[in-house]
Each structure stands twice: as C-alpha cells, then as structure tokens.
All heavy atoms as atom14 arrays in JSON, in Angstrom:
{
  "sequence": "PMPMLKALAEYADEYGMEAQISLEERMACGIGACLGCICKTKEKDH",
  "atom14_mask": [
    [1, 1, 1, 1, 1, 1, 1, 0, 0, 0, 0, 0, 0, 0],
    [1, 1, 1, 1, 1, 1, 1, 1, 0, 0, 0, 0, 0, 0],
    [1, 1, 1, 1, 1, 1, 1, 0, 0, 0, 0, 0, 0, 0],
    [1, 1, 1, 1, 1, 1, 1, 1, 0, 0, 0, 0, 0, 0],
    [1, 1, 1, 1, 1, 1, 1, 1, 0, 0, 0, 0, 0, 0],
    [1, 1, 1, 1, 1, 1, 1, 1, 1, 0, 0, 0, 0, 0],
    [1, 1, 1, 1, 1, 0, 0, 0, 0, 0, 0, 0, 0, 0],
    [1, 1, 1, 1, 1, 1, 1, 1, 0, 0, 0, 0, 0, 0],
    [1, 1, 1, 1, 1, 0, 0, 0, 0, 0, 0, 0, 0, 0],
    [1, 1, 1, 1, 1, 1, 1, 1, 1, 0, 0, 0, 0, 0],
    [1, 1, 1, 1, 1, 1, 1, 1, 1, 1, 1, 1, 0, 0],
    [1, 1, 1, 1, 1, 0, 0, 0, 0, 0, 0, 0, 0, 0],
    [1, 1, 1, 1, 1, 1, 1, 1, 0, 0, 0, 0, 0, 0],
    [1, 1, 1, 1, 1, 1, 1, 1, 1, 0, 0, 0, 0, 0],
    [1, 1, 1, 1, 1, 1, 1, 1, 1, 1, 1, 1, 0, 0],
    [1, 1, 1, 1, 0, 0, 0, 0, 0, 0, 0, 0, 0, 0],
    [1, 1, 1, 1, 1, 1, 1, 1, 0, 0, 0, 0, 0, 0],
    [1, 1, 1, 1, 1, 1, 1, 1, 1, 0, 0, 0, 0, 0],
    [1, 1, 1, 1, 1, 0, 0, 0, 0, 0, 0, 0, 0, 0],
    [1, 1, 1, 1, 1, 1, 1, 1, 1, 0, 0, 0, 0, 0],
    [1, 1, 1, 1, 1, 1, 1, 1, 0, 0, 0, 0, 0, 0],
    [1, 1, 1, 1, 1, 1, 0, 0, 0, 0, 0, 0, 0, 0],
    [1, 1, 1, 1, 1, 1, 1, 1, 0, 0, 0, 0, 0, 0],
    [1, 1, 1, 1, 1, 1, 1, 1, 1, 0, 0, 0, 0, 0],
    [1, 1, 1, 1, 1, 1, 1, 1, 1, 0, 0, 0, 0, 0],
    [1, 1, 1, 1, 1, 1, 1, 1, 1, 1, 1, 0, 0, 0],
    [1, 1, 1, 1, 1, 1, 1, 1, 0, 0, 0, 0, 0, 0],
    [1, 1, 1, 1, 1, 0, 0, 0, 0, 0, 0, 0, 0, 0],
    [1, 1, 1, 1, 1, 1, 0, 0, 0, 0, 0, 0, 0, 0],
    [1, 1, 1, 1, 0, 0, 0, 0, 0, 0, 0, 0, 0, 0],
    [1, 1, 1, 1, 1, 1, 1, 1, 0, 0, 0, 0, 0, 0],
    [1, 1, 1, 1, 0, 0, 0, 0, 0, 0, 0, 0, 0, 0],
    [1, 1, 1, 1, 1, 0, 0, 0, 0, 0, 0, 0, 0, 0],
    [1, 1, 1, 1, 1, 1, 0, 0, 0, 0, 0, 0, 0, 0],
    [1, 1, 1, 1, 1, 1, 1, 1, 0, 0, 0, 0, 0, 0],
    [1, 1, 1, 1, 0, 0, 0, 0, 0, 0, 0, 0, 0, 0],
    [1, 1, 1, 1, 1, 1, 0, 0, 0, 0, 0, 0, 0, 0],
    [1, 1, 1, 1, 1, 1, 1, 1, 0, 0, 0, 0, 0, 0],
    [1, 1, 1, 1, 1, 1, 0, 0, 0, 0, 0, 0, 0, 0],
    [1, 1, 1, 1, 1, 1, 1, 1, 1, 0, 0, 0, 0, 0],
    [1, 1, 1, 1, 1, 1, 1, 0, 0, 0, 0, 0, 0, 0],
    [1, 1, 1, 1, 1, 1, 1, 1, 1, 0, 0, 0, 0, 0],
    [1, 1, 1, 1, 1, 1, 1, 1, 1, 0, 0, 0, 0, 0],
    [1, 1, 1, 1, 1, 1, 1, 1, 1, 0, 0, 0, 0, 0],
    [1, 1, 1, 1, 1, 1, 1, 1, 0, 0, 0, 0, 0, 0],
    [1, 1, 1, 1, 1, 1, 1, 1, 1, 1, 0, 0, 0, 0]
  ],
  "atom14_positions": [
    [[9.58, 3.6, -3.0], [9.73, 2.14, -3.03], [9.18, 1.49, -1.76], [9.13, 2.12, -0.69], [11.24, 1.94, -3.15], [11.85, 3.22, -2.66], [10.88, 4.29, -3.01], [0.0, 0.0, 0.0], [0.0, 0.0, 0.0], [0.0, 0.0, 0.0], [0.0, 0.0, 0.0], [0.0, 0.0, 0.0], [0.0, 0.0, 0.0], [0.0, 0.0, 0.0]],
    [[8.76, 0.24, -1.89], [8.09, -0.45, -0.79], [8.91, -0.51, 0.51], [8.35, -0.31, 1.59], [7.67, -1.85, -1.22], [6.7, -2.52, -0.28], [5.1, -1.66, -0.16], [4.3, -2.28, -1.65], [0.0, 0.0, 0.0], [0.0, 0.0, 0.0], [0.0, 0.0, 0.0], [0.0, 0.0, 0.0], [0.0, 0.0, 0.0], [0.0, 0.0, 0.0]],
    [[10.22, -0.78, 0.46], [10.98, -0.79, 1.72], [10.9, 0.55, 2.46], [10.84, 0.59, 3.69], [12.41, -1.11, 1.27], [12.24, -1.86, 0.0], [11.07, -1.22, -0.68], [0.0, 0.0, 0.0], [0.0, 0.0, 0.0], [0.0, 0.0, 0.0], [0.0, 0.0, 0.0], [0.0, 0.0, 0.0], [0.0, 0.0, 0.0], [0.0, 0.0, 0.0]],
    [[10.92, 1.65, 1.72], [10.79, 2.98, 2.33], [9.43, 3.15, 2.97], [9.32, 3.64, 4.11], [11.02, 4.07, 1.28], [11.01, 5.47, 1.85], [10.86, 6.77, 0.58], [9.06, 6.93, 0.51], [0.0, 0.0, 0.0], [0.0, 0.0, 0.0], [0.0, 0.0, 0.0], [0.0, 0.0, 0.0], [0.0, 0.0, 0.0], [0.0, 0.0, 0.0]],
    [[8.38, 2.74, 2.27], [7.03, 2.89, 2.8], [6.82, 2.02, 4.05], [6.17, 2.44, 5.0], [6.0, 2.54, 1.73], [6.0, 3.42, 0.48], [4.93, 2.95, -0.49], [5.78, 4.89, 0.84], [0.0, 0.0, 0.0], [0.0, 0.0, 0.0], [0.0, 0.0, 0.0], [0.0, 0.0, 0.0], [0.0, 0.0, 0.0], [0.0, 0.0, 0.0]],
    [[7.39, 0.83, 4.03], [7.29, -0.04, 5.2], [7.97, 0.6, 6.41], [7.43, 0.6, 7.52], [7.94, -1.4, 4.9], [7.9, -2.37, 6.07], [8.57, -3.69, 5.72], [8.52, -4.65, 6.9], [9.19, -5.94, 6.59], [0.0, 0.0, 0.0], [0.0, 0.0, 0.0], [0.0, 0.0, 0.0], [0.0, 0.0, 0.0], [0.0, 0.0, 0.0]],
    [[9.16, 1.16, 6.19], [9.89, 1.82, 7.28], [9.11, 3.02, 7.81], [9.06, 3.25, 9.03], [11.27, 2.24, 6.8], [0.0, 0.0, 0.0], [0.0, 0.0, 0.0], [0.0, 0.0, 0.0], [0.0, 0.0, 0.0], [0.0, 0.0, 0.0], [0.0, 0.0, 0.0], [0.0, 0.0, 0.0], [0.0, 0.0, 0.0], [0.0, 0.0, 0.0]],
    [[8.49, 3.78, 6.92], [7.71, 4.94, 7.35], [6.44, 4.52, 8.1], [6.04, 5.17, 9.07], [7.34, 5.79, 6.15], [8.48, 6.61, 5.54], [8.07, 7.17, 4.19], [8.9, 7.74, 6.48], [0.0, 0.0, 0.0], [0.0, 0.0, 0.0], [0.0, 0.0, 0.0], [0.0, 0.0, 0.0], [0.0, 0.0, 0.0], [0.0, 0.0, 0.0]],
    [[5.82, 3.42, 7.67], [4.63, 2.92, 8.37], [5.0, 2.51, 9.8], [4.26, 2.79, 10.75], [4.03, 1.74, 7.61], [0.0, 0.0, 0.0], [0.0, 0.0, 0.0], [0.0, 0.0, 0.0], [0.0, 0.0, 0.0], [0.0, 0.0, 0.0], [0.0, 0.0, 0.0], [0.0, 0.0, 0.0], [0.0, 0.0, 0.0], [0.0, 0.0, 0.0]],
    [[6.15, 1.85, 9.95], [6.61, 1.44, 11.28], [6.98, 2.65, 12.13], [6.68, 2.69, 13.33], [7.8, 0.49, 11.13], [7.44, -0.84, 10.51], [8.65, -1.69, 10.16], [9.79, -1.14, 10.21], [8.48, -2.88, 9.83], [0.0, 0.0, 0.0], [0.0, 0.0, 0.0], [0.0, 0.0, 0.0], [0.0, 0.0, 0.0], [0.0, 0.0, 0.0]],
    [[7.59, 3.64, 11.49], [7.95, 4.87, 12.2], [6.7, 5.6, 12.68], [6.63, 6.06, 13.83], [8.77, 5.77, 11.27], [9.27, 7.05, 11.9], [10.47, 7.09, 12.58], [8.51, 8.23, 11.82], [10.94, 8.27, 13.16], [8.97, 9.4, 12.4], [10.17, 9.42, 13.07], [10.61, 10.58, 13.65], [0.0, 0.0, 0.0], [0.0, 0.0, 0.0]],
    [[5.7, 5.71, 11.81], [4.46, 6.39, 12.17], [3.76, 5.67, 13.31], [3.23, 6.3, 14.24], [3.53, 6.46, 10.95], [0.0, 0.0, 0.0], [0.0, 0.0, 0.0], [0.0, 0.0, 0.0], [0.0, 0.0, 0.0], [0.0, 0.0, 0.0], [0.0, 0.0, 0.0], [0.0, 0.0, 0.0], [0.0, 0.0, 0.0], [0.0, 0.0, 0.0]],
    [[3.76, 4.36, 13.26], [3.12, 3.58, 14.32], [3.85, 3.77, 15.65], [3.21, 3.92, 16.71], [3.12, 2.09, 13.93], [2.35, 1.24, 14.92], [1.15, 1.49, 15.11], [2.95, 0.33, 15.51], [0.0, 0.0, 0.0], [0.0, 0.0, 0.0], [0.0, 0.0, 0.0], [0.0, 0.0, 0.0], [0.0, 0.0, 0.0], [0.0, 0.0, 0.0]],
    [[5.17, 3.81, 15.59], [5.97, 3.98, 16.81], [5.72, 5.33, 17.47], [5.66, 5.43, 18.7], [7.46, 3.83, 16.47], [8.38, 4.01, 17.67], [9.86, 3.89, 17.32], [10.17, 3.59, 16.14], [10.7, 4.13, 18.21], [0.0, 0.0, 0.0], [0.0, 0.0, 0.0], [0.0, 0.0, 0.0], [0.0, 0.0, 0.0], [0.0, 0.0, 0.0]],
    [[5.54, 6.37, 16.63], [5.39, 7.72, 17.18], [3.94, 8.21, 17.18], [3.69, 9.4, 17.4], [6.28, 8.69, 16.4], [7.75, 8.49, 16.7], [8.53, 7.65, 15.9], [8.35, 9.1, 17.8], [9.87, 7.44, 16.18], [9.69, 8.89, 18.08], [10.45, 8.06, 17.28], [11.78, 7.85, 17.57], [0.0, 0.0, 0.0], [0.0, 0.0, 0.0]],
    [[3.0, 7.32, 16.95], [1.58, 7.68, 17.03], [1.15, 8.66, 15.96], [0.28, 9.51, 16.21], [0.0, 0.0, 0.0], [0.0, 0.0, 0.0], [0.0, 0.0, 0.0], [0.0, 0.0, 0.0], [0.0, 0.0, 0.0], [0.0, 0.0, 0.0], [0.0, 0.0, 0.0], [0.0, 0.0, 0.0], [0.0, 0.0, 0.0], [0.0, 0.0, 0.0]],
    [[1.7, 8.53, 14.77], [1.36, 9.43, 13.67], [0.46, 8.73, 12.66], [0.54, 7.53, 12.45], [2.63, 9.9, 12.94], [3.62, 10.65, 13.81], [5.2, 10.91, 12.95], [4.7, 12.09, 11.69], [0.0, 0.0, 0.0], [0.0, 0.0, 0.0], [0.0, 0.0, 0.0], [0.0, 0.0, 0.0], [0.0, 0.0, 0.0], [0.0, 0.0, 0.0]],
    [[-0.42, 9.5, 12.04], [-1.18, 8.98, 10.91], [-0.25, 8.91, 9.71], [0.68, 9.71, 9.59], [-2.35, 9.92, 10.62], [-3.27, 9.46, 9.5], [-4.42, 10.42, 9.24], [-4.62, 11.35, 10.06], [-5.1, 10.24, 8.23], [0.0, 0.0, 0.0], [0.0, 0.0, 0.0], [0.0, 0.0, 0.0], [0.0, 0.0, 0.0], [0.0, 0.0, 0.0]],
    [[-0.49, 7.96, 8.8], [0.34, 7.87, 7.6], [-0.5, 7.45, 6.41], [-1.22, 6.45, 6.47], [1.48, 6.87, 7.8], [0.0, 0.0, 0.0], [0.0, 0.0, 0.0], [0.0, 0.0, 0.0], [0.0, 0.0, 0.0], [0.0, 0.0, 0.0], [0.0, 0.0, 0.0], [0.0, 0.0, 0.0], [0.0, 0.0, 0.0], [0.0, 0.0, 0.0]],
    [[-0.39, 8.22, 5.34], [-0.99, 7.88, 4.06], [0.14, 7.57, 3.09], [1.03, 8.39, 2.89], [-1.84, 9.03, 3.52], [-3.07, 9.35, 4.35], [-3.88, 10.49, 3.75], [-3.9, 10.69, 2.54], [-4.54, 11.24, 4.61], [0.0, 0.0, 0.0], [0.0, 0.0, 0.0], [0.0, 0.0, 0.0], [0.0, 0.0, 0.0], [0.0, 0.0, 0.0]],
    [[0.09, 6.38, 2.48], [1.18, 5.96, 1.6], [0.64, 5.65, 0.2], [-0.43, 5.08, 0.04], [1.92, 4.73, 2.17], [0.95, 3.56, 2.4], [2.65, 5.1, 3.46], [1.64, 2.27, 2.82], [0.0, 0.0, 0.0], [0.0, 0.0, 0.0], [0.0, 0.0, 0.0], [0.0, 0.0, 0.0], [0.0, 0.0, 0.0], [0.0, 0.0, 0.0]],
    [[1.4, 6.06, -0.81], [1.05, 5.8, -2.2], [1.94, 4.68, -2.71], [3.16, 4.81, -2.73], [1.24, 7.06, -3.05], [0.91, 6.8, -4.4], [0.0, 0.0, 0.0], [0.0, 0.0, 0.0], [0.0, 0.0, 0.0], [0.0, 0.0, 0.0], [0.0, 0.0, 0.0], [0.0, 0.0, 0.0], [0.0, 0.0, 0.0], [0.0, 0.0, 0.0]],
    [[1.31, 3.57, -3.1], [2.06, 2.38, -3.51], [2.42, 2.44, -4.99], [1.57, 2.75, -5.84], [1.24, 1.12, -3.24], [0.78, 0.91, -1.79], [0.04, -0.41, -1.68], [1.96, 0.94, -0.83], [0.0, 0.0, 0.0], [0.0, 0.0, 0.0], [0.0, 0.0, 0.0], [0.0, 0.0, 0.0], [0.0, 0.0, 0.0], [0.0, 0.0, 0.0]],
    [[3.66, 2.13, -5.3], [4.11, 2.04, -6.68], [4.02, 0.59, -7.11], [4.54, -0.3, -6.44], [5.55, 2.53, -6.81], [5.73, 4.0, -6.48], [7.18, 4.44, -6.66], [8.08, 3.63, -6.36], [7.42, 5.57, -7.09], [0.0, 0.0, 0.0], [0.0, 0.0, 0.0], [0.0, 0.0, 0.0], [0.0, 0.0, 0.0], [0.0, 0.0, 0.0]],
    [[3.35, 0.33, -8.2], [3.17, -1.04, -8.67], [2.95, -1.04, -10.17], [2.39, -0.1, -10.72], [1.94, -1.66, -7.97], [1.69, -3.12, -8.29], [2.86, -4.01, -7.92], [3.14, -4.19, -6.72], [3.5, -4.51, -8.86], [0.0, 0.0, 0.0], [0.0, 0.0, 0.0], [0.0, 0.0, 0.0], [0.0, 0.0, 0.0], [0.0, 0.0, 0.0]],
    [[3.42, -2.09, -10.84], [3.13, -2.24, -12.26], [1.63, -2.47, -12.43], [1.03, -3.22, -11.68], [3.91, -3.41, -12.86], [5.4, -3.13, -12.98], [6.11, -4.28, -13.68], [7.52, -4.01, -13.85], [8.06, -3.32, -14.85], [7.27, -2.84, -15.79], [9.35, -3.13, -14.93], [0.0, 0.0, 0.0], [0.0, 0.0, 0.0], [0.0, 0.0, 0.0]],
    [[1.05, -1.8, -13.41], [-0.38, -1.9, -13.64], [-0.65, -2.28, -15.09], [0.15, -2.0, -15.98], [-1.08, -0.58, -13.33], [-0.94, -0.12, -11.89], [-1.74, 1.47, -11.62], [-1.21, 1.82, -9.94], [0.0, 0.0, 0.0], [0.0, 0.0, 0.0], [0.0, 0.0, 0.0], [0.0, 0.0, 0.0], [0.0, 0.0, 0.0], [0.0, 0.0, 0.0]],
    [[-1.79, -2.92, -15.31], [-2.18, -3.29, -16.67], [-3.35, -2.43, -17.12], [-3.18, -1.47, -17.86], [-2.53, -4.77, -16.73], [0.0, 0.0, 0.0], [0.0, 0.0, 0.0], [0.0, 0.0, 0.0], [0.0, 0.0, 0.0], [0.0, 0.0, 0.0], [0.0, 0.0, 0.0], [0.0, 0.0, 0.0], [0.0, 0.0, 0.0], [0.0, 0.0, 0.0]],
    [[-4.55, -2.74, -16.63], [-5.72, -1.99, -17.11], [-5.81, -0.59, -16.52], [-6.28, 0.34, -17.16], [-7.0, -2.77, -16.83], [-7.47, -2.82, -15.08], [0.0, 0.0, 0.0], [0.0, 0.0, 0.0], [0.0, 0.0, 0.0], [0.0, 0.0, 0.0], [0.0, 0.0, 0.0], [0.0, 0.0, 0.0], [0.0, 0.0, 0.0], [0.0, 0.0, 0.0]],
    [[-5.4, -0.42, -15.25], [-5.46, 0.88, -14.59], [-6.82, 1.24, -14.02], [-6.98, 2.29, -13.41], [0.0, 0.0, 0.0], [0.0, 0.0, 0.0], [0.0, 0.0, 0.0], [0.0, 0.0, 0.0], [0.0, 0.0, 0.0], [0.0, 0.0, 0.0], [0.0, 0.0, 0.0], [0.0, 0.0, 0.0], [0.0, 0.0, 0.0], [0.0, 0.0, 0.0]],
    [[-7.83, 0.37, -14.2], [-9.19, 0.69, -13.74], [-9.77, -0.39, -12.84], [-10.96, -0.39, -12.54], [-10.14, 0.93, -14.93], [-10.19, -0.3, -15.85], [-9.7, 2.17, -15.7], [-11.21, -0.17, -16.97], [0.0, 0.0, 0.0], [0.0, 0.0, 0.0], [0.0, 0.0, 0.0], [0.0, 0.0, 0.0], [0.0, 0.0, 0.0], [0.0, 0.0, 0.0]],
    [[-8.95, -1.34, -12.4], [-9.4, -2.32, -11.42], [-10.04, -3.57, -11.97], [-10.55, -4.41, -11.22], [0.0, 0.0, 0.0], [0.0, 0.0, 0.0], [0.0, 0.0, 0.0], [0.0, 0.0, 0.0], [0.0, 0.0, 0.0], [0.0, 0.0, 0.0], [0.0, 0.0, 0.0], [0.0, 0.0, 0.0], [0.0, 0.0, 0.0], [0.0, 0.0, 0.0]],
    [[-10.01, -3.77, -13.28], [-10.7, -4.91, -13.87], [-9.86, -6.18, -13.92], [-10.39, -7.28, -13.8], [-11.16, -4.56, -15.28], [0.0, 0.0, 0.0], [0.0, 0.0, 0.0], [0.0, 0.0, 0.0], [0.0, 0.0, 0.0], [0.0, 0.0, 0.0], [0.0, 0.0, 0.0], [0.0, 0.0, 0.0], [0.0, 0.0, 0.0], [0.0, 0.0, 0.0]],
    [[-8.55, -6.03, -14.08], [-7.72, -7.21, -14.36], [-7.11, -7.85, -13.11], [-6.6, -8.97, -13.18], [-6.61, -6.84, -15.34], [-5.33, -5.77, -14.63], [0.0, 0.0, 0.0], [0.0, 0.0, 0.0], [0.0, 0.0, 0.0], [0.0, 0.0, 0.0], [0.0, 0.0, 0.0], [0.0, 0.0, 0.0], [0.0, 0.0, 0.0], [0.0, 0.0, 0.0]],
    [[-7.13, -7.16, -11.99], [-6.52, -7.64, -10.74], [-5.02, -7.89, -10.89], [-4.44, -8.72, -10.19], [-7.22, -8.91, -10.24], [-8.74, -8.81, -10.02], [-9.27, -10.14, -9.49], [-9.09, -7.67, -9.08], [0.0, 0.0, 0.0], [0.0, 0.0, 0.0], [0.0, 0.0, 0.0], [0.0, 0.0, 0.0], [0.0, 0.0, 0.0], [0.0, 0.0, 0.0]],
    [[-4.4, -7.16, -11.79], [-2.97, -7.33, -12.03], [-2.09, -6.62, -11.02], [-0.92, -6.93, -10.89], [0.0, 0.0, 0.0], [0.0, 0.0, 0.0], [0.0, 0.0, 0.0], [0.0, 0.0, 0.0], [0.0, 0.0, 0.0], [0.0, 0.0, 0.0], [0.0, 0.0, 0.0], [0.0, 0.0, 0.0], [0.0, 0.0, 0.0], [0.0, 0.0, 0.0]],
    [[-2.64, -5.66, -10.3], [-1.87, -4.92, -9.29], [-2.6, -4.99, -7.97], [-3.6, -4.32, -7.75], [-1.65, -3.47, -9.72], [-3.17, -2.52, -9.93], [0.0, 0.0, 0.0], [0.0, 0.0, 0.0], [0.0, 0.0, 0.0], [0.0, 0.0, 0.0], [0.0, 0.0, 0.0], [0.0, 0.0, 0.0], [0.0, 0.0, 0.0], [0.0, 0.0, 0.0]],
    [[-2.14, -5.84, -7.09], [-2.79, -5.98, -5.79], [-1.75, -5.91, -4.69], [-0.56, -6.14, -4.91], [-3.57, -7.31, -5.68], [-2.63, -8.51, -5.86], [-4.72, -7.36, -6.67], [-3.27, -9.84, -5.57], [0.0, 0.0, 0.0], [0.0, 0.0, 0.0], [0.0, 0.0, 0.0], [0.0, 0.0, 0.0], [0.0, 0.0, 0.0], [0.0, 0.0, 0.0]],
    [[-2.21, -5.58, -3.48], [-1.35, -5.66, -2.31], [-2.15, -6.32, -1.19], [-3.39, -6.32, -1.2], [-0.86, -4.28, -1.89], [-2.14, -3.2, -1.2], [0.0, 0.0, 0.0], [0.0, 0.0, 0.0], [0.0, 0.0, 0.0], [0.0, 0.0, 0.0], [0.0, 0.0, 0.0], [0.0, 0.0, 0.0], [0.0, 0.0, 0.0], [0.0, 0.0, 0.0]],
    [[-1.44, -6.91, -0.25], [-2.09, -7.57, 0.87], [-2.61, -6.53, 1.85], [-1.95, -5.53, 2.12], [-1.12, -8.51, 1.57], [-0.71, -9.71, 0.73], [0.21, -10.64, 1.52], [0.6, -11.85, 0.69], [1.51, -12.75, 1.44], [0.0, 0.0, 0.0], [0.0, 0.0, 0.0], [0.0, 0.0, 0.0], [0.0, 0.0, 0.0], [0.0, 0.0, 0.0]],
    [[-3.8, -6.8, 2.39], [-4.41, -5.89, 3.36], [-4.91, -6.65, 4.57], [-5.1, -7.87, 4.53], [-5.59, -5.14, 2.72], [-6.52, -6.11, 2.17], [-5.13, -4.22, 1.61], [0.0, 0.0, 0.0], [0.0, 0.0, 0.0], [0.0, 0.0, 0.0], [0.0, 0.0, 0.0], [0.0, 0.0, 0.0], [0.0, 0.0, 0.0], [0.0, 0.0, 0.0]],
    [[-5.14, -5.92, 5.65], [-5.62, -6.55, 6.88], [-7.1, -6.9, 6.79], [-7.57, -7.85, 7.4], [-5.36, -5.61, 8.06], [-3.88, -5.4, 8.33], [-3.63, -4.42, 9.45], [-2.13, -4.21, 9.66], [-1.84, -3.19, 10.69], [0.0, 0.0, 0.0], [0.0, 0.0, 0.0], [0.0, 0.0, 0.0], [0.0, 0.0, 0.0], [0.0, 0.0, 0.0]],
    [[-7.85, -6.12, 6.0], [-9.28, -6.37, 5.83], [-9.54, -7.03, 4.48], [-8.77, -6.86, 3.54], [-10.05, -5.06, 5.93], [-9.86, -4.31, 7.25], [-10.41, -5.07, 8.44], [-11.39, -5.82, 8.25], [-9.85, -4.92, 9.54], [0.0, 0.0, 0.0], [0.0, 0.0, 0.0], [0.0, 0.0, 0.0], [0.0, 0.0, 0.0], [0.0, 0.0, 0.0]],
    [[-10.64, -7.76, 4.39], [-11.02, -8.39, 3.12], [-11.51, -7.33, 2.14], [-12.25, -6.42, 2.5], [-12.09, -9.45, 3.34], [-11.61, -10.7, 4.06], [-12.68, -11.75, 4.1], [-12.23, -12.98, 4.87], [-11.1, -13.66, 4.23], [0.0, 0.0, 0.0], [0.0, 0.0, 0.0], [0.0, 0.0, 0.0], [0.0, 0.0, 0.0], [0.0, 0.0, 0.0]],
    [[-11.11, -7.49, 0.88], [-11.55, -6.6, -0.17], [-12.98, -6.93, -0.58], [-13.33, -8.1, -0.78], [-10.61, -6.75, -1.38], [-11.05, -5.92, -2.56], [-11.24, -4.72, -2.38], [-11.21, -6.49, -3.66], [0.0, 0.0, 0.0], [0.0, 0.0, 0.0], [0.0, 0.0, 0.0], [0.0, 0.0, 0.0], [0.0, 0.0, 0.0], [0.0, 0.0, 0.0]],
    [[-13.83, -5.92, -0.72], [-15.23, -6.16, -1.06], [-15.39, -6.73, -2.46], [-16.39, -7.38, -2.78], [-16.02, -4.85, -0.96], [-15.67, -3.84, -2.01], [-14.59, -2.98, -1.89], [-16.25, -3.56, -3.21], [-14.52, -2.22, -2.95], [-15.51, -2.55, -3.78], [0.0, 0.0, 0.0], [0.0, 0.0, 0.0], [0.0, 0.0, 0.0], [0.0, 0.0, 0.0]]
  ]
}
C-alpha cells in the first residue's frame, strides 16, 4: 500500500539506500493507452 511505500522511500533516503517500489493501482487498459492509472513524478513524462 502507498503509505508503506512512502515510509520506505523516506527510510531509504534517510539511510542512503537505493529503493525500487512497485505501485499498486487500479488499471483499465493495462498497456498505457487510457491514462487511467497515473502517479505524480518529479520529472515530466515524455
């Protein structure tokens, strides 16, 4: 769940660890066409 991933991201940042996180989200098409499942990012999406 997102609260867990957020806490782990903060923990990794605090202790200088790399972190790869898998986001759980409701999806529609599953192939990127509908934009139904998005998350905010620091960089602009191409």
